[in-house]
């Protein structure tokens, strides 16, 4: 039996976010403080999204701070790509804890199907 699930992703686990960055080949720095152009700052996992003018920061409580100036300073689709990679890595980590094998399929529309074999 198949179950289709749509998931809203909150980036709360630093190690999972790091796994997502590695998956995507993106640079990151742990426990860093970033000052943004408006004078505000954030401390946490700093992620350098390709082609974004400024990095994003994932704080300890899972807040994502960054500015792409409504798409002028970076494509918002890339942040969604990070969320997708995070979701995949979170699901894989959960299944590893339950020793369930996971098969990953990249779909033509850019979505990913994870099939868990019990």
PDB file of N, CA and C in Angstrom:
ATOM      1  N   UNK A   1       0.839  -1.165   0.000  1.00  0.00           N
ATOM      2  CA  UNK A   1       0.000   0.000   0.000  1.00  0.00           C
ATOM      3  C   UNK A   1       0.891   1.237   0.000  1.00  0.00           C
ATOM      4  N   UNK A   2       0.514   2.233  -0.783  1.00  0.00           N
ATOM      5  CA  UNK A   2       1.287   3.457  -0.913  1.00  0.00           C
ATOM      6  C   UNK A   2       0.621   4.587  -0.136  1.00  0.00           C
ATOM      7  N   UNK A   3       1.434   5.408   0.477  1.00  0.00           N
ATOM      8  CA  UNK A   3       0.936   6.580   1.192  1.00  0.00           C
ATOM      9  C   UNK A   3       1.727   7.790   0.722  1.00  0.00           C
ATOM     10  N   UNK A   4       1.042   8.776   0.168  1.00  0.00           N
ATOM     11  CA  UNK A   4       1.668  10.003  -0.287  1.00  0.00           C
ATOM     12  C   UNK A   4       1.536  11.038   0.811  1.00  0.00           C
ATOM     13  N   UNK A   5       2.656  11.665   1.160  1.00  0.00           N
ATOM     14  CA  UNK A   5       2.658  12.641   2.238  1.00  0.00           C
ATOM     15  C   UNK A   5       3.320  13.917   1.751  1.00  0.00           C
ATOM     16  N   UNK A   6       2.674  15.051   1.956  1.00  0.00           N
ATOM     17  CA  UNK A   6       3.292  16.353   1.728  1.00  0.00           C
ATOM     18  C   UNK A   6       3.747  16.871   3.082  1.00  0.00           C
ATOM     19  N   UNK A   7       4.971  17.382   3.141  1.00  0.00           N
ATOM     20  CA  UNK A   7       5.556  17.765   4.414  1.00  0.00           C
ATOM     21  C   UNK A   7       6.010  19.217   4.357  1.00  0.00           C
ATOM     22  N   UNK A   8       5.630  20.010   5.365  1.00  0.00           N
ATOM     23  CA  UNK A   8       6.199  21.341   5.544  1.00  0.00           C
ATOM     24  C   UNK A   8       7.452  21.177   6.387  1.00  0.00           C
ATOM     25  N   UNK A   9       8.548  21.733   5.933  1.00  0.00           N
ATOM     26  CA  UNK A   9       9.836  21.501   6.570  1.00  0.00           C
ATOM     27  C   UNK A   9      10.251  22.691   7.427  1.00  0.00           C
ATOM     28  N   UNK A  10      10.579  22.410   8.687  1.00  0.00           N
ATOM     29  CA  UNK A  10      11.215  23.374   9.571  1.00  0.00           C
ATOM     30  C   UNK A  10      12.644  22.898   9.782  1.00  0.00           C
ATOM     31  N   UNK A  11      13.590  23.799   9.632  1.00  0.00           N
ATOM     32  CA  UNK A  11      15.003  23.434   9.712  1.00  0.00           C
ATOM     33  C   UNK A  11      15.485  23.566  11.157  1.00  0.00           C
ATOM     34  N   UNK A  12      15.182  22.582  11.985  1.00  0.00           N
ATOM     35  CA  UNK A  12      15.475  22.681  13.416  1.00  0.00           C
ATOM     36  C   UNK A  12      16.681  21.871  13.871  1.00  0.00           C
ATOM     37  N   UNK A  13      17.110  20.901  13.101  1.00  0.00           N
ATOM     38  CA  UNK A  13      18.212  20.044  13.516  1.00  0.00           C
ATOM     39  C   UNK A  13      19.468  20.421  12.737  1.00  0.00           C
ATOM     40  N   UNK A  14      20.461  20.926  13.453  1.00  0.00           N
ATOM     41  CA  UNK A  14      21.678  21.403  12.804  1.00  0.00           C
ATOM     42  C   UNK A  14      22.377  20.300  12.021  1.00  0.00           C
ATOM     43  N   UNK A  15      22.488  19.109  12.591  1.00  0.00           N
ATOM     44  CA  UNK A  15      23.192  18.026  11.903  1.00  0.00           C
ATOM     45  C   UNK A  15      22.475  17.619  10.616  1.00  0.00           C
ATOM     46  N   UNK A  16      21.155  17.661  10.633  1.00  0.00           N
ATOM     47  CA  UNK A  16      20.399  17.346   9.419  1.00  0.00           C
ATOM     48  C   UNK A  16      20.593  18.446   8.384  1.00  0.00           C
ATOM     49  N   UNK A  17      20.635  19.696   8.825  1.00  0.00           N
ATOM     50  CA  UNK A  17      20.877  20.812   7.903  1.00  0.00           C
ATOM     51  C   UNK A  17      22.272  20.708   7.289  1.00  0.00           C
ATOM     52  N   UNK A  18      23.248  20.296   8.090  1.00  0.00           N
ATOM     53  CA  UNK A  18      24.601  20.096   7.568  1.00  0.00           C
ATOM     54  C   UNK A  18      24.604  18.968   6.536  1.00  0.00           C
ATOM     55  N   UNK A  19      23.897  17.882   6.814  1.00  0.00           N
ATOM     56  CA  UNK A  19      23.799  16.776   5.847  1.00  0.00           C
ATOM     57  C   UNK A  19      23.157  17.261   4.548  1.00  0.00           C
ATOM     58  N   UNK A  20      22.158  18.136   4.656  1.00  0.00           N
ATOM     59  CA  UNK A  20      21.511  18.695   3.461  1.00  0.00           C
ATOM     60  C   UNK A  20      22.498  19.549   2.673  1.00  0.00           C
ATOM     61  N   UNK A  21      23.304  20.354   3.370  1.00  0.00           N
ATOM     62  CA  UNK A  21      24.316  21.174   2.690  1.00  0.00           C
ATOM     63  C   UNK A  21      25.339  20.297   1.979  1.00  0.00           C
ATOM     64  N   UNK A  22      25.778  19.255   2.647  1.00  0.00           N
ATOM     65  CA  UNK A  22      26.744  18.332   2.023  1.00  0.00           C
ATOM     66  C   UNK A  22      26.137  17.669   0.794  1.00  0.00           C
ATOM     67  N   UNK A  23      24.895  17.275   0.903  1.00  0.00           N
ATOM     68  CA  UNK A  23      24.173  16.646  -0.206  1.00  0.00           C
ATOM     69  C   UNK A  23      24.162  17.572  -1.424  1.00  0.00           C
ATOM     70  N   UNK A  24      23.945  18.871  -1.165  1.00  0.00           N
ATOM     71  CA  UNK A  24      23.859  19.858  -2.240  1.00  0.00           C
ATOM     72  C   UNK A  24      25.224  20.404  -2.658  1.00  0.00           C
ATOM     73  N   UNK A  25      26.250  20.129  -1.855  1.00  0.00           N
ATOM     74  CA  UNK A  25      27.577  20.663  -2.149  1.00  0.00           C
ATOM     75  C   UNK A  25      27.713  22.133  -1.789  1.00  0.00           C
ATOM     76  N   UNK A  26      26.923  22.600  -0.832  1.00  0.00           N
ATOM     77  CA  UNK A  26      26.935  24.005  -0.422  1.00  0.00           C
ATOM     78  C   UNK A  26      27.849  24.208   0.773  1.00  0.00           C
ATOM     79  N   UNK A  27      28.478  25.373   0.826  1.00  0.00           N
ATOM     80  CA  UNK A  27      29.352  25.726   1.941  1.00  0.00           C
ATOM     81  C   UNK A  27      28.513  26.136   3.145  1.00  0.00           C
ATOM     82  N   UNK A  28      29.049  25.858   4.326  1.00  0.00           N
ATOM     83  CA  UNK A  28      28.371  26.229   5.570  1.00  0.00           C
ATOM     84  C   UNK A  28      29.424  26.418   6.654  1.00  0.00           C
ATOM     85  N   UNK A  29      29.042  27.119   7.707  1.00  0.00           N
ATOM     86  CA  UNK A  29      29.888  27.295   8.882  1.00  0.00           C
ATOM     87  C   UNK A  29      29.015  27.132  10.115  1.00  0.00           C
ATOM     88  N   UNK A  30      29.505  26.372  11.070  1.00  0.00           N
ATOM     89  CA  UNK A  30      28.750  26.150  12.304  1.00  0.00           C
ATOM     90  C   UNK A  30      29.061  27.236  13.329  1.00  0.00           C
ATOM     91  N   UNK A  31      28.063  27.540  14.161  1.00  0.00           N
ATOM     92  CA  UNK A  31      28.211  28.456  15.292  1.00  0.00           C
ATOM     93  C   UNK A  31      28.875  29.777  14.907  1.00  0.00           C
ATOM     94  N   UNK A  32      28.342  30.405  13.890  1.00  0.00           N
ATOM     95  CA  UNK A  32      28.882  31.676  13.424  1.00  0.00           C
ATOM     96  C   UNK A  32      27.856  32.789  13.617  1.00  0.00           C
ATOM     97  N   UNK A  33      28.366  34.001  13.785  1.00  0.00           N
ATOM     98  CA  UNK A  33      27.502  35.173  13.860  1.00  0.00           C
ATOM     99  C   UNK A  33      27.650  35.944  12.556  1.00  0.00           C
ATOM    100  N   UNK A  34      26.525  36.253  11.956  1.00  0.00           N
ATOM    101  CA  UNK A  34      26.512  36.998  10.702  1.00  0.00           C
ATOM    102  C   UNK A  34      25.798  38.324  10.938  1.00  0.00           C
ATOM    103  N   UNK A  35      26.376  39.394  10.413  1.00  0.00           N
ATOM    104  CA  UNK A  35      25.704  40.688  10.436  1.00  0.00           C
ATOM    105  C   UNK A  35      25.173  40.945   9.031  1.00  0.00           C
ATOM    106  N   UNK A  36      23.915  41.317   8.969  1.00  0.00           N
ATOM    107  CA  UNK A  36      23.258  41.546   7.686  1.00  0.00           C
ATOM    108  C   UNK A  36      23.306  43.015   7.299  1.00  0.00           C
ATOM    109  N   UNK A  37      22.989  43.301   6.051  1.00  0.00           N
ATOM    110  CA  UNK A  37      23.092  44.649   5.496  1.00  0.00           C
ATOM    111  C   UNK A  37      22.266  45.676   6.262  1.00  0.00           C
ATOM    112  N   UNK A  38      21.197  45.244   6.924  1.00  0.00           N
ATOM    113  CA  UNK A  38      20.331  46.181   7.655  1.00  0.00           C
ATOM    114  C   UNK A  38      20.794  46.407   9.092  1.00  0.00           C
ATOM    115  N   UNK A  39      21.942  45.817   9.451  1.00  0.00           N
ATOM    116  CA  UNK A  39      22.472  45.984  10.798  1.00  0.00           C
ATOM    117  C   UNK A  39      22.051  44.902  11.771  1.00  0.00           C
ATOM    118  N   UNK A  40      21.109  44.060  11.391  1.00  0.00           N
ATOM    119  CA  UNK A  40      20.691  42.961  12.266  1.00  0.00           C
ATOM    120  C   UNK A  40      21.723  41.837  12.191  1.00  0.00           C
ATOM    121  N   UNK A  41      21.639  40.922  13.133  1.00  0.00           N
ATOM    122  CA  UNK A  41      22.576  39.803  13.132  1.00  0.00           C
ATOM    123  C   UNK A  41      21.857  38.532  13.563  1.00  0.00           C
ATOM    124  N   UNK A  42      22.509  37.418  13.317  1.00  0.00           N
ATOM    125  CA  UNK A  42      21.987  36.117  13.732  1.00  0.00           C
ATOM    126  C   UNK A  42      23.173  35.196  13.965  1.00  0.00           C
ATOM    127  N   UNK A  43      23.015  34.288  14.921  1.00  0.00           N
ATOM    128  CA  UNK A  43      24.064  33.328  15.248  1.00  0.00           C
ATOM    129  C   UNK A  43      23.511  31.920  15.076  1.00  0.00           C
ATOM    130  N   UNK A  44      24.310  31.066  14.449  1.00  0.00           N
ATOM    131  CA  UNK A  44      23.894  29.685  14.253  1.00  0.00           C
ATOM    132  C   UNK A  44      24.639  29.057  13.099  1.00  0.00           C
ATOM    133  N   UNK A  45      23.963  28.176  12.390  1.00  0.00           N
ATOM    134  CA  UNK A  45      24.525  27.532  11.210  1.00  0.00           C
ATOM    135  C   UNK A  45      24.359  28.486  10.030  1.00  0.00           C
ATOM    136  N   UNK A  46      25.474  28.925   9.475  1.00  0.00           N
ATOM    137  CA  UNK A  46      25.458  29.857   8.348  1.00  0.00           C
ATOM    138  C   UNK A  46      25.607  29.043   7.069  1.00  0.00           C
ATOM    139  N   UNK A  47      24.687  29.262   6.133  1.00  0.00           N
ATOM    140  CA  UNK A  47      24.693  28.521   4.870  1.00  0.00           C
ATOM    141  C   UNK A  47      24.836  29.504   3.719  1.00  0.00           C
ATOM    142  N   UNK A  48      25.798  29.220   2.854  1.00  0.00           N
ATOM    143  CA  UNK A  48      26.052  30.053   1.688  1.00  0.00           C
ATOM    144  C   UNK A  48      25.343  29.427   0.489  1.00  0.00           C
ATOM    145  N   UNK A  49      24.177  29.956   0.182  1.00  0.00           N
ATOM    146  CA  UNK A  49      23.393  29.447  -0.942  1.00  0.00           C
ATOM    147  C   UNK A  49      24.005  29.998  -2.228  1.00  0.00           C
ATOM    148  N   UNK A  50      24.300  29.148  -3.197  1.00  0.00           N
ATOM    149  CA  UNK A  50      24.901  29.624  -4.443  1.00  0.00           C
ATOM    150  C   UNK A  50      24.074  30.748  -5.077  1.00  0.00           C
ATOM    151  N   UNK A  51      24.778  31.754  -5.544  1.00  0.00           N
ATOM    152  CA  UNK A  51      24.180  32.886  -6.255  1.00  0.00           C
ATOM    153  C   UNK A  51      23.364  33.812  -5.355  1.00  0.00           C
ATOM    154  N   UNK A  52      23.354  33.587  -4.052  1.00  0.00           N
ATOM    155  CA  UNK A  52      22.701  34.513  -3.125  1.00  0.00           C
ATOM    156  C   UNK A  52      23.740  35.535  -2.680  1.00  0.00           C
ATOM    157  N   UNK A  53      23.329  36.785  -2.589  1.00  0.00           N
ATOM    158  CA  UNK A  53      24.247  37.843  -2.188  1.00  0.00           C
ATOM    159  C   UNK A  53      24.661  37.706  -0.725  1.00  0.00           C
ATOM    160  N   UNK A  54      23.736  37.273   0.124  1.00  0.00           N
ATOM    161  CA  UNK A  54      24.014  37.109   1.551  1.00  0.00           C
ATOM    162  C   UNK A  54      23.685  35.679   1.976  1.00  0.00           C
ATOM    163  N   UNK A  55      24.423  35.154   2.960  1.00  0.00           N
ATOM    164  CA  UNK A  55      24.105  33.810   3.457  1.00  0.00           C
ATOM    165  C   UNK A  55      22.845  33.830   4.314  1.00  0.00           C
ATOM    166  N   UNK A  56      22.322  32.655   4.593  1.00  0.00           N
ATOM    167  CA  UNK A  56      21.230  32.530   5.554  1.00  0.00           C
ATOM    168  C   UNK A  56      21.810  31.962   6.842  1.00  0.00           C
ATOM    169  N   UNK A  57      21.089  32.163   7.920  1.00  0.00           N
ATOM    170  CA  UNK A  57      21.481  31.603   9.209  1.00  0.00           C
ATOM    171  C   UNK A  57      20.312  30.810   9.759  1.00  0.00           C
ATOM    172  N   UNK A  58      20.592  29.612  10.221  1.00  0.00           N
ATOM    173  CA  UNK A  58      19.593  28.827  10.938  1.00  0.00           C
ATOM    174  C   UNK A  58      19.979  28.910  12.409  1.00  0.00           C
ATOM    175  N   UNK A  59      19.126  29.558  13.196  1.00  0.00           N
ATOM    176  CA  UNK A  59      19.423  29.748  14.613  1.00  0.00           C
ATOM    177  C   UNK A  59      19.128  28.474  15.393  1.00  0.00           C
ATOM    178  N   UNK A  60      19.512  28.478  16.651  1.00  0.00           N
ATOM    179  CA  UNK A  60      19.342  27.306  17.508  1.00  0.00           C
ATOM    180  C   UNK A  60      17.882  26.864  17.622  1.00  0.00           C
ATOM    181  N   UNK A  61      16.944  27.822  17.553  1.00  0.00           N
ATOM    182  CA  UNK A  61      15.519  27.459  17.673  1.00  0.00           C
ATOM    183  C   UNK A  61      14.880  27.131  16.328  1.00  0.00           C
ATOM    184  N   UNK A  62      15.673  27.106  15.244  1.00  0.00           N
ATOM    185  CA  UNK A  62      15.156  26.722  13.937  1.00  0.00           C
ATOM    186  C   UNK A  62      14.715  27.868  13.056  1.00  0.00           C
ATOM    187  N   UNK A  63      14.850  29.100  13.542  1.00  0.00           N
ATOM    188  CA  UNK A  63      14.493  30.254  12.722  1.00  0.00           C
ATOM    189  C   UNK A  63      15.494  30.399  11.583  1.00  0.00           C
ATOM    190  N   UNK A  64      14.988  30.614  10.374  1.00  0.00           N
ATOM    191  CA  UNK A  64      15.843  30.852   9.219  1.00  0.00           C
ATOM    192  C   UNK A  64      15.861  32.353   8.969  1.00  0.00           C
ATOM    193  N   UNK A  65      17.053  32.946   9.025  1.00  0.00           N
ATOM    194  CA  UNK A  65      17.188  34.384   8.809  1.00  0.00           C
ATOM    195  C   UNK A  65      18.032  34.600   7.564  1.00  0.00           C
ATOM    196  N   UNK A  66      17.553  35.452   6.707  1.00  0.00           N
ATOM    197  CA  UNK A  66      18.279  35.779   5.493  1.00  0.00           C
ATOM    198  C   UNK A  66      17.466  36.760   4.677  1.00  0.00           C
ATOM    199  N   UNK A  67      18.068  37.297   3.651  1.00  0.00           N
ATOM    200  CA  UNK A  67      17.368  38.265   2.813  1.00  0.00           C
ATOM    201  C   UNK A  67      17.782  38.050   1.364  1.00  0.00           C
ATOM    202  N   UNK A  68      16.807  37.816   0.518  1.00  0.00           N
ATOM    203  CA  UNK A  68      17.093  37.701  -0.913  1.00  0.00           C
ATOM    204  C   UNK A  68      16.488  38.871  -1.682  1.00  0.00           C
ATOM    205  N   UNK A  69      15.999  39.875  -0.958  1.00  0.00           N
ATOM    206  CA  UNK A  69      15.436  41.103  -1.535  1.00  0.00           C
ATOM    207  C   UNK A  69      14.384  40.764  -2.590  1.00  0.00           C
ATOM    208  N   UNK A  70      13.415  39.947  -2.146  1.00  0.00           N
ATOM    209  CA  UNK A  70      12.313  39.509  -3.017  1.00  0.00           C
ATOM    210  C   UNK A  70      12.805  38.862  -4.308  1.00  0.00           C
ATOM    211  N   UNK A  71      13.885  38.120  -4.210  1.00  0.00           N
ATOM    212  CA  UNK A  71      14.409  37.404  -5.365  1.00  0.00           C
ATOM    213  C   UNK A  71      15.505  38.132  -6.110  1.00  0.00           C
ATOM    214  N   UNK A  72      15.727  39.409  -5.805  1.00  0.00           N
ATOM    215  CA  UNK A  72      16.764  40.174  -6.504  1.00  0.00           C
ATOM    216  C   UNK A  72      18.170  39.773  -6.074  1.00  0.00           C
ATOM    217  N   UNK A  73      18.312  39.300  -4.835  1.00  0.00           N
ATOM    218  CA  UNK A  73      19.623  38.924  -4.323  1.00  0.00           C
ATOM    219  C   UNK A  73      19.802  37.417  -4.249  1.00  0.00           C
ATOM    220  N   UNK A  74      18.854  36.672  -4.745  1.00  0.00           N
ATOM    221  CA  UNK A  74      18.972  35.215  -4.723  1.00  0.00           C
ATOM    222  C   UNK A  74      17.647  34.559  -5.048  1.00  0.00           C
ATOM    223  N   UNK A  75      17.711  33.473  -5.767  1.00  0.00           N
ATOM    224  CA  UNK A  75      16.517  32.747  -6.200  1.00  0.00           C
ATOM    225  C   UNK A  75      15.900  31.998  -5.017  1.00  0.00           C
ATOM    226  N   UNK A  76      14.639  32.327  -4.644  1.00  0.00           N
ATOM    227  CA  UNK A  76      13.998  31.636  -3.525  1.00  0.00           C
ATOM    228  C   UNK A  76      13.844  30.130  -3.753  1.00  0.00           C
ATOM    229  N   UNK A  77      13.856  29.694  -4.998  1.00  0.00           N
ATOM    230  CA  UNK A  77      13.744  28.260  -5.294  1.00  0.00           C
ATOM    231  C   UNK A  77      14.919  27.492  -4.693  1.00  0.00           C
ATOM    232  N   UNK A  78      16.063  28.156  -4.542  1.00  0.00           N
ATOM    233  CA  UNK A  78      17.217  27.477  -3.953  1.00  0.00           C
ATOM    234  C   UNK A  78      17.011  27.225  -2.462  1.00  0.00           C
ATOM    235  N   UNK A  79      16.305  28.114  -1.778  1.00  0.00           N
ATOM    236  CA  UNK A  79      15.972  27.862  -0.373  1.00  0.00           C
ATOM    237  C   UNK A  79      15.027  26.666  -0.279  1.00  0.00           C
ATOM    238  N   UNK A  80      14.106  26.569  -1.222  1.00  0.00           N
ATOM    239  CA  UNK A  80      13.212  25.402  -1.261  1.00  0.00           C
ATOM    240  C   UNK A  80      13.992  24.117  -1.546  1.00  0.00           C
ATOM    241  N   UNK A  81      15.042  24.235  -2.358  1.00  0.00           N
ATOM    242  CA  UNK A  81      15.896  23.075  -2.636  1.00  0.00           C
ATOM    243  C   UNK A  81      16.583  22.614  -1.345  1.00  0.00           C
ATOM    244  N   UNK A  82      16.997  23.568  -0.509  1.00  0.00           N
ATOM    245  CA  UNK A  82      17.583  23.229   0.789  1.00  0.00           C
ATOM    246  C   UNK A  82      16.552  22.539   1.671  1.00  0.00           C
ATOM    247  N   UNK A  83      15.335  23.050   1.689  1.00  0.00           N
ATOM    248  CA  UNK A  83      14.276  22.424   2.490  1.00  0.00           C
ATOM    249  C   UNK A  83      14.012  20.991   2.025  1.00  0.00           C
ATOM    250  N   UNK A  84      14.010  20.798   0.711  1.00  0.00           N
ATOM    251  CA  UNK A  84      13.790  19.450   0.177  1.00  0.00           C
ATOM    252  C   UNK A  84      14.918  18.513   0.618  1.00  0.00           C
ATOM    253  N   UNK A  85      16.163  18.963   0.482  1.00  0.00           N
ATOM    254  CA  UNK A  85      17.301  18.135   0.881  1.00  0.00           C
ATOM    255  C   UNK A  85      17.254  17.846   2.377  1.00  0.00           C
ATOM    256  N   UNK A  86      16.846  18.824   3.169  1.00  0.00           N
ATOM    257  CA  UNK A  86      16.716  18.639   4.616  1.00  0.00           C
ATOM    258  C   UNK A  86      15.667  17.561   4.910  1.00  0.00           C
ATOM    259  N   UNK A  87      14.538  17.640   4.248  1.00  0.00           N
ATOM    260  CA  UNK A  87      13.479  16.651   4.455  1.00  0.00           C
ATOM    261  C   UNK A  87      13.927  15.247   4.102  1.00  0.00           C
ATOM    262  N   UNK A  88      14.661  15.126   3.010  1.00  0.00           N
ATOM    263  CA  UNK A  88      15.174  13.815   2.592  1.00  0.00           C
ATOM    264  C   UNK A  88      16.151  13.280   3.632  1.00  0.00           C
ATOM    265  N   UNK A  89      17.069  14.136   4.072  1.00  0.00           N
ATOM    266  CA  UNK A  89      18.063  13.698   5.056  1.00  0.00           C
ATOM    267  C   UNK A  89      17.415  13.360   6.395  1.00  0.00           C
ATOM    268  N   UNK A  90      16.387  14.116   6.792  1.00  0.00           N
ATOM    269  CA  UNK A  90      15.678  13.824   8.047  1.00  0.00           C
ATOM    270  C   UNK A  90      14.977  12.473   7.959  1.00  0.00           C
ATOM    271  N   UNK A  91      14.332  12.204   6.833  1.00  0.00           N
ATOM    272  CA  UNK A  91      13.639  10.923   6.652  1.00  0.00           C
ATOM    273  C   UNK A  91      14.635   9.769   6.628  1.00  0.00           C
ATOM    274  N   UNK A  92      15.751   9.961   5.944  1.00  0.00           N
ATOM    275  CA  UNK A  92      16.773   8.911   5.889  1.00  0.00           C
ATOM    276  C   UNK A  92      17.327   8.611   7.284  1.00  0.00           C
ATOM    277  N   UNK A  93      17.578   9.665   8.066  1.00  0.00           N
ATOM    278  CA  UNK A  93      18.101   9.472   9.429  1.00  0.00           C
ATOM    279  C   UNK A  93      17.096   8.703  10.285  1.00  0.00           C
ATOM    280  N   UNK A  94      15.833   9.045  10.156  1.00  0.00           N
ATOM    281  CA  UNK A  94      14.793   8.351  10.915  1.00  0.00           C
ATOM    282  C   UNK A  94      14.733   6.876  10.529  1.00  0.00           C
ATOM    283  N   UNK A  95      14.793   6.608   9.251  1.00  0.00           N
ATOM    284  CA  UNK A  95      14.718   5.219   8.793  1.00  0.00           C
ATOM    285  C   UNK A  95      15.966   4.432   9.188  1.00  0.00           C
ATOM    286  N   UNK A  96      17.133   5.093   9.218  1.00  0.00           N
ATOM    287  CA  UNK A  96      18.356   4.407   9.680  1.00  0.00           C
ATOM    288  C   UNK A  96      18.197   3.960  11.130  1.00  0.00           C
ATOM    289  N   UNK A  97      17.559   4.807  11.950  1.00  0.00           N
ATOM    290  CA  UNK A  97      17.344   4.445  13.353  1.00  0.00           C
ATOM    291  C   UNK A  97      16.427   3.236  13.473  1.00  0.00           C
ATOM    292  N   UNK A  98      15.557   3.055  12.497  1.00  0.00           N
ATOM    293  CA  UNK A  98      14.636   1.910  12.506  1.00  0.00           C
ATOM    294  C   UNK A  98      15.128   0.791  11.598  1.00  0.00           C
ATOM    295  N   UNK A  99      16.350   0.924  11.120  1.00  0.00           N
ATOM    296  CA  UNK A  99      16.997  -0.039  10.220  1.00  0.00           C
ATOM    297  C   UNK A  99      16.119  -0.423   9.032  1.00  0.00           C
ATOM    298  N   UNK A 100      15.408   0.551   8.501  1.00  0.00           N
ATOM    299  CA  UNK A 100      14.577   0.313   7.318  1.00  0.00           C
ATOM    300  C   UNK A 100      15.300   0.877   6.094  1.00  0.00           C
ATOM    301  N   UNK A 101      15.488   0.062   5.061  1.00  0.00           N
ATOM    302  CA  UNK A 101      16.131   0.565   3.847  1.00  0.00           C
ATOM    303  C   UNK A 101      15.238   1.567   3.117  1.00  0.00           C
ATOM    304  N   UNK A 102      15.880   2.582   2.540  1.00  0.00           N
ATOM    305  CA  UNK A 102      15.166   3.637   1.827  1.00  0.00           C
ATOM    306  C   UNK A 102      15.677   3.686   0.396  1.00  0.00           C
ATOM    307  N   UNK A 103      14.756   3.713  -0.559  1.00  0.00           N
ATOM    308  CA  UNK A 103      15.094   3.881  -1.968  1.00  0.00           C
ATOM    309  C   UNK A 103      14.644   5.276  -2.370  1.00  0.00           C
ATOM    310  N   UNK A 104      15.561   6.036  -2.937  1.00  0.00           N
ATOM    311  CA  UNK A 104      15.277   7.419  -3.329  1.00  0.00           C
ATOM    312  C   UNK A 104      15.144   7.506  -4.847  1.00  0.00           C
ATOM    313  N   UNK A 105      14.073   8.155  -5.311  1.00  0.00           N
ATOM    314  CA  UNK A 105      13.845   8.335  -6.743  1.00  0.00           C
ATOM    315  C   UNK A 105      13.643   9.814  -7.032  1.00  0.00           C
ATOM    316  N   UNK A 106      14.440  10.350  -7.949  1.00  0.00           N
ATOM    317  CA  UNK A 106      14.287  11.744  -8.377  1.00  0.00           C
ATOM    318  C   UNK A 106      13.251  11.771  -9.494  1.00  0.00           C
ATOM    319  N   UNK A 107      12.184  12.525  -9.308  1.00  0.00           N
ATOM    320  CA  UNK A 107      11.112  12.607 -10.294  1.00  0.00           C
ATOM    321  C   UNK A 107      11.382  13.721 -11.296  1.00  0.00           C
ATOM    322  N   UNK A 108      10.763  13.637 -12.460  1.00  0.00           N
ATOM    323  CA  UNK A 108      10.987  14.620 -13.516  1.00  0.00           C
ATOM    324  C   UNK A 108      10.584  16.029 -13.110  1.00  0.00           C
ATOM    325  N   UNK A 109       9.610  16.155 -12.221  1.00  0.00           N
ATOM    326  CA  UNK A 109       9.151  17.483 -11.803  1.00  0.00           C
ATOM    327  C   UNK A 109      10.024  18.095 -10.709  1.00  0.00           C
ATOM    328  N   UNK A 110      11.117  17.410 -10.333  1.00  0.00           N
ATOM    329  CA  UNK A 110      12.020  17.917  -9.307  1.00  0.00           C
ATOM    330  C   UNK A 110      11.721  17.390  -7.918  1.00  0.00           C
ATOM    331  N   UNK A 111      10.578  16.759  -7.742  1.00  0.00           N
ATOM    332  CA  UNK A 111      10.255  16.183  -6.439  1.00  0.00           C
ATOM    333  C   UNK A 111      11.040  14.887  -6.250  1.00  0.00           C
ATOM    334  N   UNK A 112      11.064  14.429  -5.023  1.00  0.00           N
ATOM    335  CA  UNK A 112      11.783  13.204  -4.689  1.00  0.00           C
ATOM    336  C   UNK A 112      10.811  12.255  -4.007  1.00  0.00           C
ATOM    337  N   UNK A 113      10.849  10.998  -4.416  1.00  0.00           N
ATOM    338  CA  UNK A 113      10.043   9.969  -3.774  1.00  0.00           C
ATOM    339  C   UNK A 113      10.964   9.083  -2.951  1.00  0.00           C
ATOM    340  N   UNK A 114      10.643   8.951  -1.670  1.00  0.00           N
ATOM    341  CA  UNK A 114      11.367   8.032  -0.801  1.00  0.00           C
ATOM    342  C   UNK A 114      10.474   6.835  -0.549  1.00  0.00           C
ATOM    343  N   UNK A 115      10.973   5.655  -0.852  1.00  0.00           N
ATOM    344  CA  UNK A 115      10.226   4.428  -0.626  1.00  0.00           C
ATOM    345  C   UNK A 115      10.913   3.667   0.494  1.00  0.00           C
ATOM    346  N   UNK A 116      10.157   3.384   1.535  1.00  0.00           N
ATOM    347  CA  UNK A 116      10.688   2.672   2.694  1.00  0.00           C
ATOM    348  C   UNK A 116      10.263   1.220   2.595  1.00  0.00           C
ATOM    349  N   UNK A 117      11.227   0.329   2.705  1.00  0.00           N
ATOM    350  CA  UNK A 117      10.958  -1.108   2.625  1.00  0.00           C
ATOM    351  C   UNK A 117      10.954  -1.683   4.032  1.00  0.00           C
ATOM    352  N   UNK A 118       9.808  -2.180   4.474  1.00  0.00           N
ATOM    353  CA  UNK A 118       9.719  -2.832   5.782  1.00  0.00           C
ATOM    354  C   UNK A 118       9.629  -4.317   5.607  1.00  0.00           C
TER     355      UNK A 118
END
